[in-house]
Amino acid sequence: MNQSALLLLLLIGLLVFIETTNSWDLNLFRRRRQWKRWTEWNQGRTEKLEELDEILVANDEN
């Protein structure tokens, strides 16, 4: 009886460990994907600002 209770606790602990590490990996993957999206958006915004800057410089020269 005592060994079966210990085995049950060990199995529950193992399941909890597996679930928490899986969710942590999933959250890390989501954060990485969100960071990539934000970086791409920011890069596009920077390119547009550089184009506007070139237009303003060309207008100032004229």
N, C-alpha and C. Protein backbone atom coordinates (compact mmCIF):
# COMPACT_ATOMS: atom_id res chain seq x y z
N MET A 1 0.83 -1.19 0.00
CA MET A 1 0.00 0.00 0.00
C MET A 1 0.88 1.25 0.00
N ASN A 2 1.90 1.26 0.83
CA ASN A 2 2.77 2.41 0.91
C ASN A 2 3.56 2.61 -0.39
N GLN A 3 4.01 1.52 -0.99
CA GLN A 3 4.75 1.61 -2.24
C GLN A 3 3.87 2.09 -3.38
N SER A 4 2.62 1.66 -3.41
CA SER A 4 1.72 2.08 -4.48
C SER A 4 1.40 3.58 -4.36
N ALA A 5 1.25 4.07 -3.13
CA ALA A 5 0.99 5.50 -2.93
C ALA A 5 2.21 6.31 -3.37
N LEU A 6 3.40 5.83 -3.06
CA LEU A 6 4.62 6.51 -3.47
C LEU A 6 4.77 6.52 -4.98
N LEU A 7 4.45 5.40 -5.60
CA LEU A 7 4.50 5.30 -7.05
C LEU A 7 3.49 6.25 -7.71
N LEU A 8 2.32 6.34 -7.12
CA LEU A 8 1.29 7.25 -7.64
C LEU A 8 1.75 8.70 -7.55
N LEU A 9 2.34 9.07 -6.42
CA LEU A 9 2.86 10.43 -6.27
C LEU A 9 3.98 10.72 -7.26
N LEU A 10 4.83 9.73 -7.50
CA LEU A 10 5.91 9.88 -8.46
C LEU A 10 5.37 10.10 -9.86
N LEU A 11 4.36 9.33 -10.24
CA LEU A 11 3.74 9.49 -11.56
C LEU A 11 3.07 10.85 -11.71
N ILE A 12 2.37 11.30 -10.67
CA ILE A 12 1.73 12.62 -10.71
C ILE A 12 2.79 13.72 -10.85
N GLY A 13 3.86 13.59 -10.09
CA GLY A 13 4.95 14.57 -10.20
C GLY A 13 5.57 14.58 -11.58
N LEU A 14 5.74 13.42 -12.17
CA LEU A 14 6.29 13.33 -13.52
C LEU A 14 5.36 14.00 -14.53
N LEU A 15 4.07 13.74 -14.42
CA LEU A 15 3.10 14.36 -15.33
C LEU A 15 3.10 15.89 -15.19
N VAL A 16 3.13 16.37 -13.96
CA VAL A 16 3.16 17.82 -13.73
C VAL A 16 4.43 18.42 -14.33
N PHE A 17 5.56 17.75 -14.16
CA PHE A 17 6.82 18.23 -14.72
C PHE A 17 6.75 18.31 -16.25
N ILE A 18 6.22 17.26 -16.87
CA ILE A 18 6.12 17.23 -18.33
C ILE A 18 5.19 18.34 -18.83
N GLU A 19 4.07 18.53 -18.17
CA GLU A 19 3.12 19.56 -18.60
C GLU A 19 3.71 20.96 -18.45
N THR A 20 4.40 21.23 -17.36
CA THR A 20 4.96 22.58 -17.17
C THR A 20 6.09 22.85 -18.15
N THR A 21 6.92 21.87 -18.44
CA THR A 21 8.00 22.12 -19.40
C THR A 21 7.45 22.27 -20.81
N ASN A 22 6.39 21.52 -21.17
CA ASN A 22 5.79 21.68 -22.49
C ASN A 22 5.18 23.06 -22.64
N SER A 23 4.46 23.53 -21.63
CA SER A 23 3.83 24.84 -21.75
C SER A 23 4.91 25.93 -21.77
N TRP A 24 6.00 25.75 -21.03
CA TRP A 24 7.09 26.73 -21.05
C TRP A 24 7.70 26.81 -22.44
N ASP A 25 7.95 25.65 -23.07
CA ASP A 25 8.51 25.64 -24.42
C ASP A 25 7.55 26.29 -25.40
N LEU A 26 6.25 26.05 -25.24
CA LEU A 26 5.26 26.64 -26.12
C LEU A 26 5.23 28.16 -25.96
N ASN A 27 5.30 28.64 -24.72
CA ASN A 27 5.32 30.08 -24.49
C ASN A 27 6.58 30.71 -25.07
N LEU A 28 7.70 30.01 -24.95
CA LEU A 28 8.94 30.52 -25.52
C LEU A 28 8.83 30.62 -27.04
N PHE A 29 8.21 29.61 -27.65
CA PHE A 29 8.01 29.62 -29.10
C PHE A 29 7.10 30.79 -29.50
N ARG A 30 6.04 31.02 -28.74
CA ARG A 30 5.13 32.14 -29.04
C ARG A 30 5.84 33.47 -28.91
N ARG A 31 6.64 33.61 -27.85
CA ARG A 31 7.38 34.87 -27.67
C ARG A 31 8.35 35.10 -28.81
N ARG A 32 9.03 34.04 -29.23
CA ARG A 32 9.97 34.16 -30.33
C ARG A 32 9.26 34.60 -31.62
N ARG A 33 8.08 33.99 -31.88
CA ARG A 33 7.31 34.33 -33.07
C ARG A 33 6.80 35.77 -32.99
N GLN A 34 6.36 36.20 -31.80
CA GLN A 34 5.88 37.56 -31.63
C GLN A 34 7.03 38.55 -31.82
N TRP A 35 8.22 38.23 -31.30
CA TRP A 35 9.37 39.09 -31.46
C TRP A 35 9.74 39.21 -32.94
N LYS A 36 9.66 38.12 -33.70
CA LYS A 36 9.97 38.15 -35.13
C LYS A 36 8.98 39.06 -35.86
N ARG A 37 7.68 38.92 -35.54
CA ARG A 37 6.66 39.77 -36.16
C ARG A 37 6.91 41.24 -35.86
N TRP A 38 7.23 41.55 -34.59
CA TRP A 38 7.47 42.94 -34.21
C TRP A 38 8.70 43.48 -34.92
N THR A 39 9.74 42.66 -35.05
CA THR A 39 10.96 43.09 -35.72
C THR A 39 10.70 43.39 -37.19
N GLU A 40 9.92 42.52 -37.85
CA GLU A 40 9.58 42.75 -39.26
C GLU A 40 8.77 44.03 -39.41
N TRP A 41 7.81 44.26 -38.52
CA TRP A 41 6.99 45.47 -38.58
C TRP A 41 7.86 46.70 -38.37
N ASN A 42 8.75 46.63 -37.40
CA ASN A 42 9.62 47.76 -37.10
C ASN A 42 10.57 48.04 -38.27
N GLN A 43 11.06 46.99 -38.91
CA GLN A 43 11.94 47.17 -40.07
C GLN A 43 11.20 47.87 -41.20
N GLY A 44 9.95 47.46 -41.45
CA GLY A 44 9.15 48.11 -42.48
C GLY A 44 8.90 49.57 -42.16
N ARG A 45 8.66 49.85 -40.91
CA ARG A 45 8.44 51.24 -40.47
C ARG A 45 9.70 52.07 -40.66
N THR A 46 10.85 51.49 -40.35
CA THR A 46 12.12 52.20 -40.51
C THR A 46 12.38 52.51 -41.98
N GLU A 47 12.09 51.55 -42.86
CA GLU A 47 12.28 51.78 -44.29
C GLU A 47 11.39 52.90 -44.78
N LYS A 48 10.13 52.96 -44.33
CA LYS A 48 9.22 54.03 -44.74
C LYS A 48 9.72 55.37 -44.23
N LEU A 49 10.23 55.41 -43.00
CA LEU A 49 10.76 56.67 -42.46
C LEU A 49 11.98 57.12 -43.24
N GLU A 50 12.83 56.18 -43.66
CA GLU A 50 14.00 56.55 -44.47
C GLU A 50 13.58 57.11 -45.82
N GLU A 51 12.54 56.52 -46.44
CA GLU A 51 12.03 57.04 -47.71
C GLU A 51 11.49 58.46 -47.54
N LEU A 52 10.72 58.68 -46.46
CA LEU A 52 10.20 60.01 -46.19
C LEU A 52 11.33 61.01 -45.95
N ASP A 53 12.36 60.57 -45.27
CA ASP A 53 13.51 61.43 -45.00
C ASP A 53 14.19 61.84 -46.31
N GLU A 54 14.35 60.88 -47.24
CA GLU A 54 14.95 61.19 -48.54
C GLU A 54 14.10 62.18 -49.31
N ILE A 55 12.77 62.03 -49.25
CA ILE A 55 11.87 62.97 -49.94
C ILE A 55 12.00 64.36 -49.33
N LEU A 56 12.05 64.45 -48.01
CA LEU A 56 12.18 65.75 -47.35
C LEU A 56 13.51 66.41 -47.67
N VAL A 57 14.58 65.63 -47.72
CA VAL A 57 15.89 66.19 -48.06
C VAL A 57 15.88 66.70 -49.50
N ALA A 58 15.27 65.94 -50.41
CA ALA A 58 15.18 66.36 -51.81
C ALA A 58 14.36 67.64 -51.93
N ASN A 59 13.28 67.75 -51.15
CA ASN A 59 12.46 68.97 -51.18
C ASN A 59 13.23 70.16 -50.62
N ASP A 60 14.03 69.95 -49.59
CA ASP A 60 14.83 71.04 -49.01
C ASP A 60 15.88 71.53 -49.98
N GLU A 61 16.44 70.62 -50.77
CA GLU A 61 17.46 71.01 -51.74
C GLU A 61 16.87 71.83 -52.88
N ASN A 62 15.60 71.58 -53.20
CA ASN A 62 14.95 72.33 -54.29
C ASN A 62 14.42 73.59 -53.72
